[in-house]
């Protein structure tokens, strides 16, 4: 049992180079690396209040657009389902009427034969 765990990793999966366990066919991550001494960190650009406000407006507009599109899609989907249900109900109703007419026709023919 311990031989299998050692061969395939403690929690299953395949063994990648260096004994690390790879899951889902991906290579193990090389996390935990630090910058070399003597290198400067790149500072993130500072945004002005105007840029932040503009970005928020764009995000708000885009999220509203996405919501409207999603609602429209759901509404169209619901209308299509309702249309299909109405078609199916109408078709079933017509079949019932036709079956009733055929039954009555058979009874009429049967009475007509009995009278002769």
C-alpha atoms as a PDB file:
ATOM      1  CA  UNK A   1       0.000   0.000   0.000  1.00  0.00           C
ATOM      2  CA  UNK A   2       2.754   2.485   0.918  1.00  0.00           C
ATOM      3  CA  UNK A   3       4.625   1.509  -2.241  1.00  0.00           C
ATOM      4  CA  UNK A   4       1.664   2.561  -4.383  1.00  0.00           C
ATOM      5  CA  UNK A   5       1.360   5.879  -2.554  1.00  0.00           C
ATOM      6  CA  UNK A   6       5.045   6.562  -2.944  1.00  0.00           C
ATOM      7  CA  UNK A   7       4.886   5.684  -6.633  1.00  0.00           C
ATOM      8  CA  UNK A   8       1.768   7.722  -7.510  1.00  0.00           C
ATOM      9  CA  UNK A   9       1.908  10.466  -4.897  1.00  0.00           C
ATOM     10  CA  UNK A  10       0.230  10.601  -1.519  1.00  0.00           C
ATOM     11  CA  UNK A  11      -3.177  11.623  -2.854  1.00  0.00           C
ATOM     12  CA  UNK A  12      -3.213   9.940  -6.224  1.00  0.00           C
ATOM     13  CA  UNK A  13      -2.524  11.449  -9.629  1.00  0.00           C
ATOM     14  CA  UNK A  14       0.578  11.018 -11.686  1.00  0.00           C
ATOM     15  CA  UNK A  15       4.092  11.669 -10.556  1.00  0.00           C
ATOM     16  CA  UNK A  16       5.815  14.550 -12.332  1.00  0.00           C
ATOM     17  CA  UNK A  17       9.556  15.108 -12.447  1.00  0.00           C
ATOM     18  CA  UNK A  18      11.078  15.678  -9.082  1.00  0.00           C
ATOM     19  CA  UNK A  19       8.435  13.624  -7.281  1.00  0.00           C
ATOM     20  CA  UNK A  20       5.734  16.334  -7.286  1.00  0.00           C
ATOM     21  CA  UNK A  21       2.166  15.177  -7.874  1.00  0.00           C
ATOM     22  CA  UNK A  22       0.507  16.552 -11.012  1.00  0.00           C
ATOM     23  CA  UNK A  23      -3.290  16.563 -11.198  1.00  0.00           C
ATOM     24  CA  UNK A  24      -5.376  16.765 -14.324  1.00  0.00           C
ATOM     25  CA  UNK A  25      -2.395  16.557 -16.661  1.00  0.00           C
ATOM     26  CA  UNK A  26      -0.876  19.864 -15.526  1.00  0.00           C
ATOM     27  CA  UNK A  27       2.678  20.469 -14.469  1.00  0.00           C
ATOM     28  CA  UNK A  28       3.345  21.418 -10.862  1.00  0.00           C
ATOM     29  CA  UNK A  29       3.591  25.142 -10.136  1.00  0.00           C
ATOM     30  CA  UNK A  30       6.880  26.728  -9.279  1.00  0.00           C
ATOM     31  CA  UNK A  31       5.455  28.977  -6.552  1.00  0.00           C
ATOM     32  CA  UNK A  32       7.439  30.550  -3.774  1.00  0.00           C
ATOM     33  CA  UNK A  33      10.109  32.142  -5.985  1.00  0.00           C
ATOM     34  CA  UNK A  34      11.473  35.430  -4.731  1.00  0.00           C
ATOM     35  CA  UNK A  35      13.065  38.282  -6.638  1.00  0.00           C
ATOM     36  CA  UNK A  36      16.817  38.261  -6.919  1.00  0.00           C
ATOM     37  CA  UNK A  37      18.648  40.645  -4.611  1.00  0.00           C
ATOM     38  CA  UNK A  38      19.515  43.949  -6.225  1.00  0.00           C
ATOM     39  CA  UNK A  39      16.483  44.057  -8.567  1.00  0.00           C
ATOM     40  CA  UNK A  40      13.939  46.851  -8.168  1.00  0.00           C
ATOM     41  CA  UNK A  41      10.232  46.160  -7.909  1.00  0.00           C
ATOM     42  CA  UNK A  42       8.144  47.735 -10.614  1.00  0.00           C
ATOM     43  CA  UNK A  43       5.641  50.099  -9.044  1.00  0.00           C
ATOM     44  CA  UNK A  44       2.065  49.947 -10.227  1.00  0.00           C
ATOM     45  CA  UNK A  45       0.854  53.093 -11.934  1.00  0.00           C
ATOM     46  CA  UNK A  46      -1.235  55.345  -9.721  1.00  0.00           C
ATOM     47  CA  UNK A  47      -4.630  56.222 -11.114  1.00  0.00           C
ATOM     48  CA  UNK A  48      -6.177  59.647 -10.803  1.00  0.00           C
ATOM     49  CA  UNK A  49      -9.626  60.098  -9.284  1.00  0.00           C
ATOM     50  CA  UNK A  50     -10.926  61.041 -12.735  1.00  0.00           C
ATOM     51  CA  UNK A  51      -9.620  57.796 -14.252  1.00  0.00           C
ATOM     52  CA  UNK A  52     -11.064  55.738 -11.402  1.00  0.00           C
ATOM     53  CA  UNK A  53     -14.436  57.459 -11.784  1.00  0.00           C
ATOM     54  CA  UNK A  54     -14.412  56.855 -15.561  1.00  0.00           C
ATOM     55  CA  UNK A  55     -13.507  53.190 -15.067  1.00  0.00           C
ATOM     56  CA  UNK A  56     -16.362  52.763 -12.578  1.00  0.00           C
ATOM     57  CA  UNK A  57     -18.822  54.341 -15.039  1.00  0.00           C
ATOM     58  CA  UNK A  58     -17.651  52.003 -17.793  1.00  0.00           C
ATOM     59  CA  UNK A  59     -17.970  48.971 -15.508  1.00  0.00           C
ATOM     60  CA  UNK A  60     -21.433  50.068 -14.384  1.00  0.00           C
ATOM     61  CA  UNK A  61     -22.600  50.549 -17.980  1.00  0.00           C
ATOM     62  CA  UNK A  62     -21.176  47.234 -19.102  1.00  0.00           C
ATOM     63  CA  UNK A  63     -22.704  45.325 -16.184  1.00  0.00           C
ATOM     64  CA  UNK A  64     -26.070  46.961 -16.920  1.00  0.00           C
ATOM     65  CA  UNK A  65     -25.718  45.977 -20.583  1.00  0.00           C
ATOM     66  CA  UNK A  66     -24.880  42.389 -19.607  1.00  0.00           C
ATOM     67  CA  UNK A  67     -27.884  42.232 -17.267  1.00  0.00           C
ATOM     68  CA  UNK A  68     -30.251  43.569 -19.923  1.00  0.00           C
ATOM     69  CA  UNK A  69     -28.961  41.075 -22.484  1.00  0.00           C
ATOM     70  CA  UNK A  70     -29.300  38.208 -20.006  1.00  0.00           C
ATOM     71  CA  UNK A  71     -32.868  39.249 -19.133  1.00  0.00           C
ATOM     72  CA  UNK A  72     -33.728  39.530 -22.824  1.00  0.00           C
ATOM     73  CA  UNK A  73     -32.302  36.068 -23.474  1.00  0.00           C
ATOM     74  CA  UNK A  74     -34.268  34.581 -20.554  1.00  0.00           C
ATOM     75  CA  UNK A  75     -37.462  36.340 -21.706  1.00  0.00           C
ATOM     76  CA  UNK A  76     -37.028  34.997 -25.261  1.00  0.00           C
ATOM     77  CA  UNK A  77     -36.344  31.513 -23.903  1.00  0.00           C
ATOM     78  CA  UNK A  78     -39.504  31.655 -21.757  1.00  0.00           C
ATOM     79  CA  UNK A  79     -41.621  32.894 -24.692  1.00  0.00           C
ATOM     80  CA  UNK A  80     -40.298  30.075 -26.884  1.00  0.00           C
ATOM     81  CA  UNK A  81     -41.124  27.482 -24.194  1.00  0.00           C
ATOM     82  CA  UNK A  82     -44.633  28.913 -23.804  1.00  0.00           C
ATOM     83  CA  UNK A  83     -45.141  28.809 -27.570  1.00  0.00           C
ATOM     84  CA  UNK A  84     -43.996  25.181 -27.725  1.00  0.00           C
ATOM     85  CA  UNK A  85     -46.281  24.240 -24.814  1.00  0.00           C
ATOM     86  CA  UNK A  86     -49.269  25.887 -26.503  1.00  0.00           C
ATOM     87  CA  UNK A  87     -48.489  24.022 -29.744  1.00  0.00           C
ATOM     88  CA  UNK A  88     -48.251  20.713 -27.883  1.00  0.00           C
ATOM     89  CA  UNK A  89     -51.519  21.346 -26.012  1.00  0.00           C
ATOM     90  CA  UNK A  90     -53.300  22.283 -29.245  1.00  0.00           C
ATOM     91  CA  UNK A  91     -51.952  19.182 -30.980  1.00  0.00           C
ATOM     92  CA  UNK A  92     -53.068  16.939 -28.089  1.00  0.00           C
ATOM     93  CA  UNK A  93     -56.520  18.576 -28.095  1.00  0.00           C
ATOM     94  CA  UNK A  94     -56.875  18.010 -31.851  1.00  0.00           C
ATOM     95  CA  UNK A  95     -55.868  14.356 -31.462  1.00  0.00           C
ATOM     96  CA  UNK A  96     -58.473  13.880 -28.740  1.00  0.00           C
ATOM     97  CA  UNK A  97     -61.174  15.429 -30.957  1.00  0.00           C
ATOM     98  CA  UNK A  98     -60.141  13.223 -33.872  1.00  0.00           C
ATOM     99  CA  UNK A  99     -60.182  10.081 -31.689  1.00  0.00           C
ATOM    100  CA  UNK A 100     -63.636  11.015 -30.377  1.00  0.00           C
ATOM    101  CA  UNK A 101     -64.929  11.520 -33.925  1.00  0.00           C
ATOM    102  CA  UNK A 102     -63.499   8.155 -35.035  1.00  0.00           C
ATOM    103  CA  UNK A 103     -65.105   6.428 -32.034  1.00  0.00           C
ATOM    104  CA  UNK A 104     -68.490   8.001 -32.795  1.00  0.00           C
ATOM    105  CA  UNK A 105     -68.155   7.060 -36.464  1.00  0.00           C
ATOM    106  CA  UNK A 106     -67.434   3.426 -35.536  1.00  0.00           C
ATOM    107  CA  UNK A 107     -70.470   3.346 -33.239  1.00  0.00           C
ATOM    108  CA  UNK A 108     -72.645   4.803 -35.988  1.00  0.00           C
ATOM    109  CA  UNK A 109     -71.440   2.184 -38.484  1.00  0.00           C
ATOM    110  CA  UNK A 110     -71.987  -0.561 -35.910  1.00  0.00           C
ATOM    111  CA  UNK A 111     -75.625   0.594 -35.310  1.00  0.00           C
ATOM    112  CA  UNK A 112     -76.225   0.865 -39.022  1.00  0.00           C
ATOM    113  CA  UNK A 113     -75.017  -2.733 -39.543  1.00  0.00           C
ATOM    114  CA  UNK A 114     -77.210  -3.989 -36.685  1.00  0.00           C
ATOM    115  CA  UNK A 115     -80.290  -2.365 -38.202  1.00  0.00           C
ATOM    116  CA  UNK A 116     -79.860  -4.176 -41.509  1.00  0.00           C
END
